[in-house]
Each structure stands twice: as C-alpha cells, then as structure tokens.
PDB file of N, CA and C in Angstrom:
ATOM      1  N   PRO A   1     107.624 118.547 -54.450  1.00  0.00           N
ATOM      2  CA  PRO A   1     108.429 117.861 -53.157  1.00  0.00           C
ATOM      3  C   PRO A   1     109.580 118.452 -52.673  1.00  0.00           C
ATOM      4  N   LEU A   2     110.195 118.245 -51.437  1.00  0.00           N
ATOM      5  CA  LEU A   2     111.449 118.764 -51.174  1.00  0.00           C
ATOM      6  C   LEU A   2     112.554 117.709 -51.830  1.00  0.00           C
ATOM      7  N   HIS A   3     112.092 116.725 -51.878  1.00  0.00           N
ATOM      8  CA  HIS A   3     113.382 115.324 -52.674  1.00  0.00           C
ATOM      9  C   HIS A   3     112.561 114.421 -52.897  1.00  0.00           C
ATOM     10  N   VAL A   4     113.180 113.973 -54.264  1.00  0.00           N
ATOM     11  CA  VAL A   4     112.647 112.222 -54.826  1.00  0.00           C
ATOM     12  C   VAL A   4     113.747 111.388 -54.147  1.00  0.00           C
ATOM     13  N   PHE A   5     113.482 110.261 -53.347  1.00  0.00           N
ATOM     14  CA  PHE A   5     114.154 109.343 -53.216  1.00  0.00           C
ATOM     15  C   PHE A   5     114.018 108.177 -54.388  1.00  0.00           C
ATOM     16  N   ASP A   6     115.187 107.616 -55.112  1.00  0.00           N
ATOM     17  CA  ASP A   6     114.832 107.072 -56.235  1.00  0.00           C
ATOM     18  C   ASP A   6     115.891 105.727 -56.309  1.00  0.00           C
ATOM     19  N   ALA A   7     116.168 105.322 -54.893  1.00  0.00           N
ATOM     20  CA  ALA A   7     116.993 104.140 -54.683  1.00  0.00           C
ATOM     21  C   ALA A   7     116.258 103.113 -54.413  1.00  0.00           C
ATOM     22  N   PHE A   8     115.185 102.867 -55.291  1.00  0.00           N
ATOM     23  CA  PHE A   8     114.453 101.481 -55.689  1.00  0.00           C
ATOM     24  C   PHE A   8     114.317 100.818 -56.843  1.00  0.00           C
ATOM     25  N   ASP A   9     114.174  99.649 -56.994  1.00  0.00           N
ATOM     26  CA  ASP A   9     114.182  98.502 -57.719  1.00  0.00           C
ATOM     27  C   ASP A   9     112.773  98.182 -58.069  1.00  0.00           C
ATOM     28  N   ASP A  10     111.916  98.416 -57.328  1.00  0.00           N
ATOM     29  CA  ASP A  10     110.367  98.091 -57.562  1.00  0.00           C
ATOM     30  C   ASP A  10     109.319  98.856 -57.008  1.00  0.00           C
ATOM     31  N   TYR A  11     108.280  98.654 -57.106  1.00  0.00           N
ATOM     32  CA  TYR A  11     107.287  99.861 -56.555  1.00  0.00           C
ATOM     33  C   TYR A  11     107.489 100.318 -54.980  1.00  0.00           C
ATOM     34  N   VAL A  12     107.139 101.243 -54.637  1.00  0.00           N
ATOM     35  CA  VAL A  12     107.410 101.603 -53.083  1.00  0.00           C
ATOM     36  C   VAL A  12     106.126 101.231 -52.889  1.00  0.00           C
ATOM     37  N   TYR A  13     105.822 100.098 -51.514  1.00  0.00           N
ATOM     38  CA  TYR A  13     104.428 100.116 -51.295  1.00  0.00           C
ATOM     39  C   TYR A  13     104.013 100.917 -50.160  1.00  0.00           C
ATOM     40  N   ASP A  14     104.987 101.418 -49.377  1.00  0.00           N
ATOM     41  CA  ASP A  14     104.526 102.030 -48.105  1.00  0.00           C
ATOM     42  C   ASP A  14     106.004 102.632 -47.412  1.00  0.00           C
ATOM     43  N   ALA A  15     105.771 103.758 -46.508  1.00  0.00           N
ATOM     44  CA  ALA A  15     106.943 104.395 -45.863  1.00  0.00           C
ATOM     45  C   ALA A  15     106.317 105.137 -44.743  1.00  0.00           C
ATOM     46  N   ARG A  16     107.073 104.722 -44.055  1.00  0.00           N
ATOM     47  CA  ARG A  16     106.479 105.974 -42.647  1.00  0.00           C
ATOM     48  C   ARG A  16     107.839 106.374 -41.763  1.00  0.00           C
ATOM     49  N   TRP A  17     107.323 107.441 -41.275  1.00  0.00           N
ATOM     50  CA  TRP A  17     108.234 108.174 -40.481  1.00  0.00           C
ATOM     51  C   TRP A  17     108.622 107.478 -38.966  1.00  0.00           C
ATOM     52  N   SER A  18     109.856 107.371 -38.475  1.00  0.00           N
ATOM     53  CA  SER A  18     109.819 106.932 -36.944  1.00  0.00           C
ATOM     54  C   SER A  18     108.949 107.833 -35.871  1.00  0.00           C
ATOM     55  N   PRO A  19     108.530 107.194 -35.537  1.00  0.00           N
ATOM     56  CA  PRO A  19     107.677 108.115 -34.219  1.00  0.00           C
ATOM     57  C   PRO A  19     108.399 108.540 -33.117  1.00  0.00           C
ATOM     58  N   VAL A  20     109.783 108.250 -33.271  1.00  0.00           N
ATOM     59  CA  VAL A  20     110.507 109.058 -32.132  1.00  0.00           C
ATOM     60  C   VAL A  20     111.967 109.832 -32.463  1.00  0.00           C
ATOM     61  N   HIS A  21     112.175 109.504 -33.810  1.00  0.00           N
ATOM     62  CA  HIS A  21     113.644 110.193 -34.426  1.00  0.00           C
ATOM     63  C   HIS A  21     113.015 111.218 -35.773  1.00  0.00           C
ATOM     64  N   PRO A  22     113.284 112.318 -35.831  1.00  0.00           N
ATOM     65  CA  PRO A  22     112.852 113.355 -36.610  1.00  0.00           C
ATOM     66  C   PRO A  22     113.389 113.090 -38.151  1.00  0.00           C
ATOM     67  N   SER A  23     114.471 112.431 -38.235  1.00  0.00           N
ATOM     68  CA  SER A  23     115.246 112.326 -39.244  1.00  0.00           C
ATOM     69  C   SER A  23     115.141 110.818 -40.205  1.00  0.00           C
ATOM     70  N   VAL A  24     114.651 109.896 -39.403  1.00  0.00           N
ATOM     71  CA  VAL A  24     114.728 108.259 -39.934  1.00  0.00           C
ATOM     72  C   VAL A  24     113.094 107.928 -40.308  1.00  0.00           C
ATOM     73  N   PHE A  25     112.820 107.391 -41.412  1.00  0.00           N
ATOM     74  CA  PHE A  25     111.732 106.688 -41.827  1.00  0.00           C
ATOM     75  C   PHE A  25     111.906 105.335 -42.477  1.00  0.00           C
ATOM     76  N   ALA A  26     111.045 104.553 -42.630  1.00  0.00           N
ATOM     77  CA  ALA A  26     111.641 103.113 -43.471  1.00  0.00           C
ATOM     78  C   ALA A  26     110.817 103.133 -44.421  1.00  0.00           C
ATOM     79  N   SER A  27     110.998 102.296 -45.664  1.00  0.00           N
ATOM     80  CA  SER A  27     110.178 101.860 -46.435  1.00  0.00           C
ATOM     81  C   SER A  27     109.992 100.516 -46.972  1.00  0.00           C
ATOM     82  N   VAL A  28     109.020  99.951 -47.756  1.00  0.00           N
ATOM     83  CA  VAL A  28     108.924  98.840 -48.026  1.00  0.00           C
ATOM     84  C   VAL A  28     108.645  98.826 -49.668  1.00  0.00           C
ATOM     85  N   ASP A  29     109.389  97.619 -50.268  1.00  0.00           N
ATOM     86  CA  ASP A  29     108.861  97.587 -51.572  1.00  0.00           C
ATOM     87  C   ASP A  29     108.747  96.267 -52.085  1.00  0.00           C
ATOM     88  N   GLY A  30     108.676  96.382 -53.642  1.00  0.00           N
ATOM     89  CA  GLY A  30     107.985  95.245 -54.113  1.00  0.00           C
ATOM     90  C   GLY A  30     109.089  93.876 -54.295  1.00  0.00           C
ATOM     91  N   THR A  31     110.369  94.233 -54.179  1.00  0.00           N
ATOM     92  CA  THR A  31     111.606  93.167 -54.114  1.00  0.00           C
ATOM     93  C   THR A  31     111.417  92.347 -52.883  1.00  0.00           C
ATOM     94  N   GLY A  32     110.864  93.209 -51.612  1.00  0.00           N
ATOM     95  CA  GLY A  32     111.048  92.659 -50.262  1.00  0.00           C
ATOM     96  C   GLY A  32     111.909  93.106 -49.284  1.00  0.00           C
ATOM     97  N   ARG A  33     112.455  94.371 -49.895  1.00  0.00           N
ATOM     98  CA  ARG A  33     113.548  95.311 -49.030  1.00  0.00           C
ATOM     99  C   ARG A  33     112.392  96.083 -48.139  1.00  0.00           C
ATOM    100  N   LEU A  34     112.976  96.001 -47.030  1.00  0.00           N
ATOM    101  CA  LEU A  34     112.933  96.704 -45.758  1.00  0.00           C
ATOM    102  C   LEU A  34     114.046  98.230 -45.740  1.00  0.00           C
ATOM    103  N   ALA A  35     113.862  98.983 -45.666  1.00  0.00           N
ATOM    104  CA  ALA A  35     115.124 100.001 -45.946  1.00  0.00           C
ATOM    105  C   ALA A  35     114.502 100.971 -44.778  1.00  0.00           C
ATOM    106  N   LEU A  36     115.965 101.161 -44.106  1.00  0.00           N
ATOM    107  CA  LEU A  36     115.686 102.445 -43.130  1.00  0.00           C
ATOM    108  C   LEU A  36     116.590 103.559 -43.462  1.00  0.00           C
ATOM    109  N   TRP A  37     115.964 104.599 -43.771  1.00  0.00           N
ATOM    110  CA  TRP A  37     116.622 105.788 -43.775  1.00  0.00           C
ATOM    111  C   TRP A  37     116.953 106.586 -42.667  1.00  0.00           C
ATOM    112  N   ASN A  38     118.268 107.545 -42.701  1.00  0.00           N
ATOM    113  CA  ASN A  38     118.440 108.449 -41.896  1.00  0.00           C
ATOM    114  C   ASN A  38     118.799 109.537 -42.593  1.00  0.00           C
ATOM    115  N   LEU A  39     117.954 111.011 -42.909  1.00  0.00           N
ATOM    116  CA  LEU A  39     118.375 111.851 -43.584  1.00  0.00           C
ATOM    117  C   LEU A  39     119.560 112.813 -43.161  1.00  0.00           C
ATOM    118  N   ASN A  40     119.659 112.320 -41.726  1.00  0.00           N
ATOM    119  CA  ASN A  40     120.787 113.244 -40.999  1.00  0.00           C
ATOM    120  C   ASN A  40     122.244 112.774 -41.518  1.00  0.00           C
ATOM    121  N   GLN A  41     122.139 111.587 -41.749  1.00  0.00           N
ATOM    122  CA  GLN A  41     123.498 110.847 -42.286  1.00  0.00           C
ATOM    123  C   GLN A  41     123.330 110.668 -43.663  1.00  0.00           C
ATOM    124  N   ASP A  42     122.514 110.620 -44.612  1.00  0.00           N
ATOM    125  CA  ASP A  42     122.833 110.297 -46.131  1.00  0.00           C
ATOM    126  C   ASP A  42     121.111 110.773 -47.021  1.00  0.00           C
ATOM    127  N   ILE A  43     120.951 111.420 -47.704  1.00  0.00           N
ATOM    128  CA  ILE A  43     119.445 111.395 -48.340  1.00  0.00           C
ATOM    129  C   ILE A  43     119.585 110.694 -49.717  1.00  0.00           C
ATOM    130  N   GLU A  44     120.640 110.126 -50.102  1.00  0.00           N
ATOM    131  CA  GLU A  44     120.665 109.383 -51.406  1.00  0.00           C
ATOM    132  C   GLU A  44     120.359 107.815 -50.996  1.00  0.00           C
ATOM    133  N   LEU A  45     120.936 107.648 -50.319  1.00  0.00           N
ATOM    134  CA  LEU A  45     120.746 105.826 -49.700  1.00  0.00           C
ATOM    135  C   LEU A  45     120.405 105.368 -48.317  1.00  0.00           C
ATOM    136  N   PRO A  46     119.797 104.354 -48.069  1.00  0.00           N
ATOM    137  CA  PRO A  46     119.184 104.108 -46.581  1.00  0.00           C
ATOM    138  C   PRO A  46     120.464 103.604 -45.775  1.00  0.00           C
ATOM    139  N   ALA A  47     120.299 103.824 -44.497  1.00  0.00           N
ATOM    140  CA  ALA A  47     121.494 103.652 -43.543  1.00  0.00           C
ATOM    141  C   ALA A  47     121.325 102.037 -43.429  1.00  0.00           C
ATOM    142  N   GLN A  48     120.438 101.395 -43.479  1.00  0.00           N
ATOM    143  CA  GLN A  48     120.555 100.121 -43.355  1.00  0.00           C
ATOM    144  C   GLN A  48     119.288  99.335 -44.203  1.00  0.00           C
ATOM    145  N   SER A  49     119.547  98.348 -44.899  1.00  0.00           N
ATOM    146  CA  SER A  49     118.203  97.726 -45.440  1.00  0.00           C
ATOM    147  C   SER A  49     118.329  95.912 -45.122  1.00  0.00           C
ATOM    148  N   VAL A  50     117.321  95.465 -45.312  1.00  0.00           N
ATOM    149  CA  VAL A  50     117.313  94.096 -45.456  1.00  0.00           C
ATOM    150  C   VAL A  50     116.160  93.327 -46.488  1.00  0.00           C
ATOM    151  N   THR A  51     116.437  92.263 -46.836  1.00  0.00           N
ATOM    152  CA  THR A  51     115.612  91.901 -47.790  1.00  0.00           C
ATOM    153  C   THR A  51     114.757  90.518 -47.318  1.00  0.00           C
ATOM    154  N   SER A  52     113.566  90.324 -47.410  1.00  0.00           N
ATOM    155  CA  SER A  52     112.912  89.098 -47.107  1.00  0.00           C
ATOM    156  C   SER A  52     112.531  88.404 -48.430  1.00  0.00           C
ATOM    157  N   GLY A  53     113.171  88.658 -49.514  1.00  0.00           N
ATOM    158  CA  GLY A  53     112.876  87.610 -50.422  1.00  0.00           C
ATOM    159  C   GLY A  53     111.295  87.542 -50.932  1.00  0.00           C
ATOM    160  N   ARG A  54     110.462  88.307 -50.127  1.00  0.00           N
ATOM    161  CA  ARG A  54     109.025  88.343 -51.139  1.00  0.00           C
ATOM    162  C   ARG A  54     108.689  89.692 -50.885  1.00  0.00           C
ATOM    163  N   ALA A  55     107.806  89.961 -51.792  1.00  0.00           N
ATOM    164  CA  ALA A  55     107.434  91.518 -51.559  1.00  0.00           C
ATOM    165  C   ALA A  55     106.676  92.066 -50.381  1.00  0.00           C
ATOM    166  N   LEU A  56     107.056  93.186 -49.803  1.00  0.00           N
ATOM    167  CA  LEU A  56     106.516  93.688 -48.663  1.00  0.00           C
ATOM    168  C   LEU A  56     105.556  94.620 -49.232  1.00  0.00           C
ATOM    169  N   ASN A  57     104.842  94.853 -48.278  1.00  0.00           N
ATOM    170  CA  ASN A  57     103.653  95.818 -48.833  1.00  0.00           C
ATOM    171  C   ASN A  57     103.077  96.667 -47.814  1.00  0.00           C
ATOM    172  N   LYS A  58     103.197  96.758 -46.473  1.00  0.00           N
ATOM    173  CA  LYS A  58     102.755  97.388 -45.420  1.00  0.00           C
ATOM    174  C   LYS A  58     103.972  97.277 -44.403  1.00  0.00           C
ATOM    175  N   LEU A  59     104.192  98.694 -43.806  1.00  0.00           N
ATOM    176  CA  LEU A  59     105.020  98.682 -42.391  1.00  0.00           C
ATOM    177  C   LEU A  59     104.299  99.463 -41.196  1.00  0.00           C
ATOM    178  N   ALA A  60     104.816  98.939 -40.076  1.00  0.00           N
ATOM    179  CA  ALA A  60     104.324  99.800 -38.910  1.00  0.00           C
ATOM    180  C   ALA A  60     105.538  99.940 -37.849  1.00  0.00           C
ATOM    181  N   TRP A  61     105.653 100.857 -37.430  1.00  0.00           N
ATOM    182  CA  TRP A  61     106.792 100.969 -36.271  1.00  0.00           C
ATOM    183  C   TRP A  61     105.978 100.767 -34.903  1.00  0.00           C
ATOM    184  N   ASP A  62     106.741 100.132 -33.876  1.00  0.00           N
ATOM    185  CA  ASP A  62     105.755 100.175 -32.479  1.00  0.00           C
ATOM    186  C   ASP A  62     106.346 101.723 -31.927  1.00  0.00           C
ATOM    187  N   ARG A  63     105.536 101.776 -31.072  1.00  0.00           N
ATOM    188  CA  ARG A  63     105.626 103.126 -30.262  1.00  0.00           C
ATOM    189  C   ARG A  63     107.041 103.899 -29.815  1.00  0.00           C
ATOM    190  N   PRO A  64     107.744 102.788 -29.208  1.00  0.00           N
ATOM    191  CA  PRO A  64     109.188 103.297 -28.977  1.00  0.00           C
ATOM    192  C   PRO A  64     110.319 103.467 -30.072  1.00  0.00           C
ATOM    193  N   GLY A  65     109.838 103.189 -31.182  1.00  0.00           N
ATOM    194  CA  GLY A  65     110.754 103.130 -32.859  1.00  0.00           C
ATOM    195  C   GLY A  65     111.437 101.840 -32.247  1.00  0.00           C
ATOM    196  N   ARG A  66     111.509 100.984 -32.028  1.00  0.00           N
ATOM    197  CA  ARG A  66     112.725 100.172 -32.052  1.00  0.00           C
ATOM    198  C   ARG A  66     112.275  98.916 -32.808  1.00  0.00           C
ATOM    199  N   ARG A  67     111.114  98.583 -33.477  1.00  0.00           N
ATOM    200  CA  ARG A  67     111.120  97.323 -33.967  1.00  0.00           C
ATOM    201  C   ARG A  67     109.954  97.941 -35.104  1.00  0.00           C
ATOM    202  N   ILE A  68     110.057  97.222 -36.182  1.00  0.00           N
ATOM    203  CA  ILE A  68     108.900  97.431 -37.654  1.00  0.00           C
ATOM    204  C   ILE A  68     108.532  96.002 -37.667  1.00  0.00           C
ATOM    205  N   ALA A  69     107.237  96.098 -37.970  1.00  0.00           N
ATOM    206  CA  ALA A  69     106.487  94.836 -38.517  1.00  0.00           C
ATOM    207  C   ALA A  69     106.063  95.465 -40.003  1.00  0.00           C
ATOM    208  N   ALA A  70     106.660  94.295 -40.986  1.00  0.00           N
ATOM    209  CA  ALA A  70     106.170  94.405 -42.460  1.00  0.00           C
ATOM    210  C   ALA A  70     105.643  93.346 -42.813  1.00  0.00           C
ATOM    211  N   GLY A  71     104.305  93.526 -43.784  1.00  0.00           N
ATOM    212  CA  GLY A  71     103.600  92.664 -43.954  1.00  0.00           C
ATOM    213  C   GLY A  71     104.083  92.070 -45.374  1.00  0.00           C
ATOM    214  N   GLY A  72     103.998  91.160 -45.748  1.00  0.00           N
ATOM    215  CA  GLY A  72     104.460  90.880 -47.105  1.00  0.00           C
ATOM    216  C   GLY A  72     103.130  90.128 -47.947  1.00  0.00           C
ATOM    217  N   ALA A  73     103.466  89.979 -49.287  1.00  0.00           N
ATOM    218  CA  ALA A  73     102.547  89.723 -50.003  1.00  0.00           C
ATOM    219  C   ALA A  73     102.404  88.385 -50.036  1.00  0.00           C
ATOM    220  N   ASP A  74     103.260  87.650 -49.240  1.00  0.00           N
ATOM    221  CA  ASP A  74     102.854  86.101 -49.017  1.00  0.00           C
ATOM    222  C   ASP A  74     101.888  85.759 -47.921  1.00  0.00           C
ATOM    223  N   GLY A  75     101.450  86.841 -47.550  1.00  0.00           N
ATOM    224  CA  GLY A  75     100.747  86.537 -46.441  1.00  0.00           C
ATOM    225  C   GLY A  75     101.225  86.583 -44.708  1.00  0.00           C
ATOM    226  N   SER A  76     102.603  86.551 -45.333  1.00  0.00           N
ATOM    227  CA  SER A  76     103.434  86.814 -43.568  1.00  0.00           C
ATOM    228  C   SER A  76     103.597  88.289 -42.902  1.00  0.00           C
ATOM    229  N   VAL A  77     103.863  88.489 -41.850  1.00  0.00           N
ATOM    230  CA  VAL A  77     104.297  89.431 -41.274  1.00  0.00           C
ATOM    231  C   VAL A  77     105.934  89.253 -40.669  1.00  0.00           C
ATOM    232  N   TYR A  78     106.691  90.169 -40.838  1.00  0.00           N
ATOM    233  CA  TYR A  78     107.968  89.933 -40.438  1.00  0.00           C
ATOM    234  C   TYR A  78     108.335  90.932 -39.482  1.00  0.00           C
ATOM    235  N   ILE A  79     108.660  90.473 -38.431  1.00  0.00           N
ATOM    236  CA  ILE A  79     109.171  91.794 -37.296  1.00  0.00           C
ATOM    237  C   ILE A  79     110.370  91.849 -37.377  1.00  0.00           C
ATOM    238  N   TYR A  80     111.104  93.374 -37.356  1.00  0.00           N
ATOM    239  CA  TYR A  80     112.653  93.835 -37.567  1.00  0.00           C
ATOM    240  C   TYR A  80     112.908  94.491 -36.165  1.00  0.00           C
ATOM    241  N   ASP A  81     113.964  94.309 -35.578  1.00  0.00           N
ATOM    242  CA  ASP A  81     114.479  94.949 -34.746  1.00  0.00           C
ATOM    243  C   ASP A  81     115.438  95.925 -35.180  1.00  0.00           C
ATOM    244  N   VAL A  82     115.214  96.882 -34.905  1.00  0.00           N
ATOM    245  CA  VAL A  82     116.161  98.078 -35.136  1.00  0.00           C
ATOM    246  C   VAL A  82     116.985  98.771 -34.652  1.00  0.00           C
ATOM    247  N   GLY A  83     116.901  98.239 -32.939  1.00  0.00           N
ATOM    248  CA  GLY A  83     117.949  98.709 -32.273  1.00  0.00           C
ATOM    249  C   GLY A  83     117.943 100.308 -31.995  1.00  0.00           C
ATOM    250  N   ASP A  84     119.062 100.651 -31.633  1.00  0.00           N
ATOM    251  CA  ASP A  84     119.440 102.090 -31.652  1.00  0.00           C
ATOM    252  C   ASP A  84     119.372 102.791 -32.819  1.00  0.00           C
ATOM    253  N   LEU A  85     119.230 102.464 -34.093  1.00  0.00           N
ATOM    254  CA  LEU A  85     119.287 103.017 -35.305  1.00  0.00           C
ATOM    255  C   LEU A  85     118.162 104.056 -35.510  1.00  0.00           C
ATOM    256  N   SER A  86     117.129 104.132 -34.468  1.00  0.00           N
ATOM    257  CA  SER A  86     116.020 105.090 -34.395  1.00  0.00           C
ATOM    258  C   SER A  86     115.810 105.951 -33.056  1.00  0.00           C
ATOM    259  N   THR A  87     117.057 105.699 -32.651  1.00  0.00           N
ATOM    260  CA  THR A  87     117.111 106.451 -30.866  1.00  0.00           C
ATOM    261  C   THR A  87     117.854 107.993 -31.223  1.00  0.00           C
ATOM    262  N   PRO A  88     116.999 109.225 -30.963  1.00  0.00           N
ATOM    263  CA  PRO A  88     117.461 110.268 -31.480  1.00  0.00           C
ATOM    264  C   PRO A  88     118.798 110.796 -30.473  1.00  0.00           C
ATOM    265  N   ARG A  89     119.281 111.278 -30.925  1.00  0.00           N
ATOM    266  CA  ARG A  89     120.819 111.781 -30.148  1.00  0.00           C
ATOM    267  C   ARG A  89     120.012 113.310 -29.941  1.00  0.00           C
ATOM    268  N   PRO A  90     120.688 114.119 -28.861  1.00  0.00           N
ATOM    269  CA  PRO A  90     120.336 115.408 -28.384  1.00  0.00           C
ATOM    270  C   PRO A  90     120.368 116.602 -29.435  1.00  0.00           C
ATOM    271  N   ASP A  91     121.279 116.239 -30.688  1.00  0.00           N
ATOM    272  CA  ASP A  91     121.517 117.217 -31.456  1.00  0.00           C
ATOM    273  C   ASP A  91     120.757 116.859 -33.119  1.00  0.00           C
ATOM    274  N   ASP A  92     120.089 115.911 -32.930  1.00  0.00           N
ATOM    275  CA  ASP A  92     119.140 115.163 -34.335  1.00  0.00           C
ATOM    276  C   ASP A  92     117.972 116.131 -34.698  1.00  0.00           C
ATOM    277  N   HIS A  93     117.487 116.905 -33.763  1.00  0.00           N
ATOM    278  CA  HIS A  93     116.473 117.658 -34.222  1.00  0.00           C
ATOM    279  C   HIS A  93     116.866 118.854 -35.039  1.00  0.00           C
ATOM    280  N   ALA A  94     118.135 119.631 -34.504  1.00  0.00           N
ATOM    281  CA  ALA A  94     119.055 120.601 -35.209  1.00  0.00           C
ATOM    282  C   ALA A  94     119.000 120.358 -36.567  1.00  0.00           C
ATOM    283  N   LYS A  95     120.049 119.112 -36.426  1.00  0.00           N
ATOM    284  CA  LYS A  95     120.713 118.679 -37.524  1.00  0.00           C
ATOM    285  C   LYS A  95     119.540 118.553 -38.808  1.00  0.00           C
ATOM    286  N   PHE A  96     117.957 118.034 -38.507  1.00  0.00           N
ATOM    287  CA  PHE A  96     117.223 117.897 -39.406  1.00  0.00           C
ATOM    288  C   PHE A  96     116.752 118.914 -40.051  1.00  0.00           C
ATOM    289  N   THR A  97     116.698 119.989 -38.967  1.00  0.00           N
ATOM    290  CA  THR A  97     116.226 121.263 -39.289  1.00  0.00           C
ATOM    291  C   THR A  97     116.881 121.767 -40.564  1.00  0.00           C
ATOM    292  N   ARG A  98     118.168 121.684 -40.311  1.00  0.00           N
ATOM    293  CA  ARG A  98     119.148 122.061 -41.410  1.00  0.00           C
ATOM    294  C   ARG A  98     119.134 121.451 -42.657  1.00  0.00           C
ATOM    295  N   VAL A  99     119.158 120.256 -42.518  1.00  0.00           N
ATOM    296  CA  VAL A  99     118.689 119.437 -43.634  1.00  0.00           C
ATOM    297  C   VAL A  99     117.396 119.671 -44.724  1.00  0.00           C
ATOM    298  N   VAL A 100     116.428 119.715 -43.884  1.00  0.00           N
ATOM    299  CA  VAL A 100     115.325 120.376 -44.494  1.00  0.00           C
ATOM    300  C   VAL A 100     115.267 121.829 -44.956  1.00  0.00           C
ATOM    301  N   ALA A 101     116.067 122.584 -44.381  1.00  0.00           N
ATOM    302  CA  ALA A 101     116.345 123.904 -45.347  1.00  0.00           C
ATOM    303  C   ALA A 101     117.327 123.703 -46.585  1.00  0.00           C
ATOM    304  N   GLU A 102     118.339 122.911 -46.445  1.00  0.00           N
ATOM    305  CA  GLU A 102     118.973 122.815 -47.355  1.00  0.00           C
ATOM    306  C   GLU A 102     118.226 122.008 -48.984  1.00  0.00           C
ATOM    307  N   LEU A 103     117.457 120.988 -48.415  1.00  0.00           N
ATOM    308  CA  LEU A 103     116.819 120.520 -49.344  1.00  0.00           C
ATOM    309  C   LEU A 103     115.774 121.181 -50.136  1.00  0.00           C
ATOM    310  N   ALA A 104     115.104 122.681 -49.362  1.00  0.00           N
ATOM    311  CA  ALA A 104     114.253 123.861 -49.742  1.00  0.00           C
ATOM    312  C   ALA A 104     114.718 124.428 -50.707  1.00  0.00           C
ATOM    313  N   ASN A 105     116.005 124.733 -50.464  1.00  0.00           N
ATOM    314  CA  ASN A 105     116.831 125.732 -51.407  1.00  0.00           C
ATOM    315  C   ASN A 105     117.351 125.169 -52.563  1.00  0.00           C
TER     316      ASN A 105
END
C-alpha cells in the first residue's frame, strides 16, 4: 500500500473517493463516524468528521460531490451536505500528484 490510515476506533465499513475531487475521500465506521479526508491538506487526520451515534456501514456520493448518503446499522440513511469541501481548486490535481509521489517514496 502507498499509505495506511489508522485514525479509526472501530471497523471501517466503507470508503469512497469523491467523484469530483482527486484528493478527497469519505469513510464510515462502526462508531458512527463519517470522516471526510482531503489528502492535499493532511494524510493523518480527516479534514472534517461527524458522528451519527450509530454504526455506519455504507456510503455513497451524489454525482456533483456535494452530498453523501450513509447507511446506518439501525436501518436509517443519513444525508450529509459537504458543501464546497469536495469542490476542487485548479491546482488540486497537481498537488495530489505530488502527494502520491511522496507517498510512493
């Protein structure tokens, strides 16, 4: 692997790349935490996170990359608006290429 993300307190049930931002992905875990990661900013900690209080086991982005649906172990679906956190800036592709190159070394 290029990198191992170990900032979790329970099982990670799902992780998905943003459909629009090259360095952003989201993850959900057994503590109910939805974490939004931006690897151009930090590779050790999520940029934002929120906890539902119930285990989350599945997630999906909408096509524009502004909302995430997360499925809970309690049978609920939670919808989160991530706003501009996953909107790429013009230099984000180049930054992410450098981040990946550094991880590979």
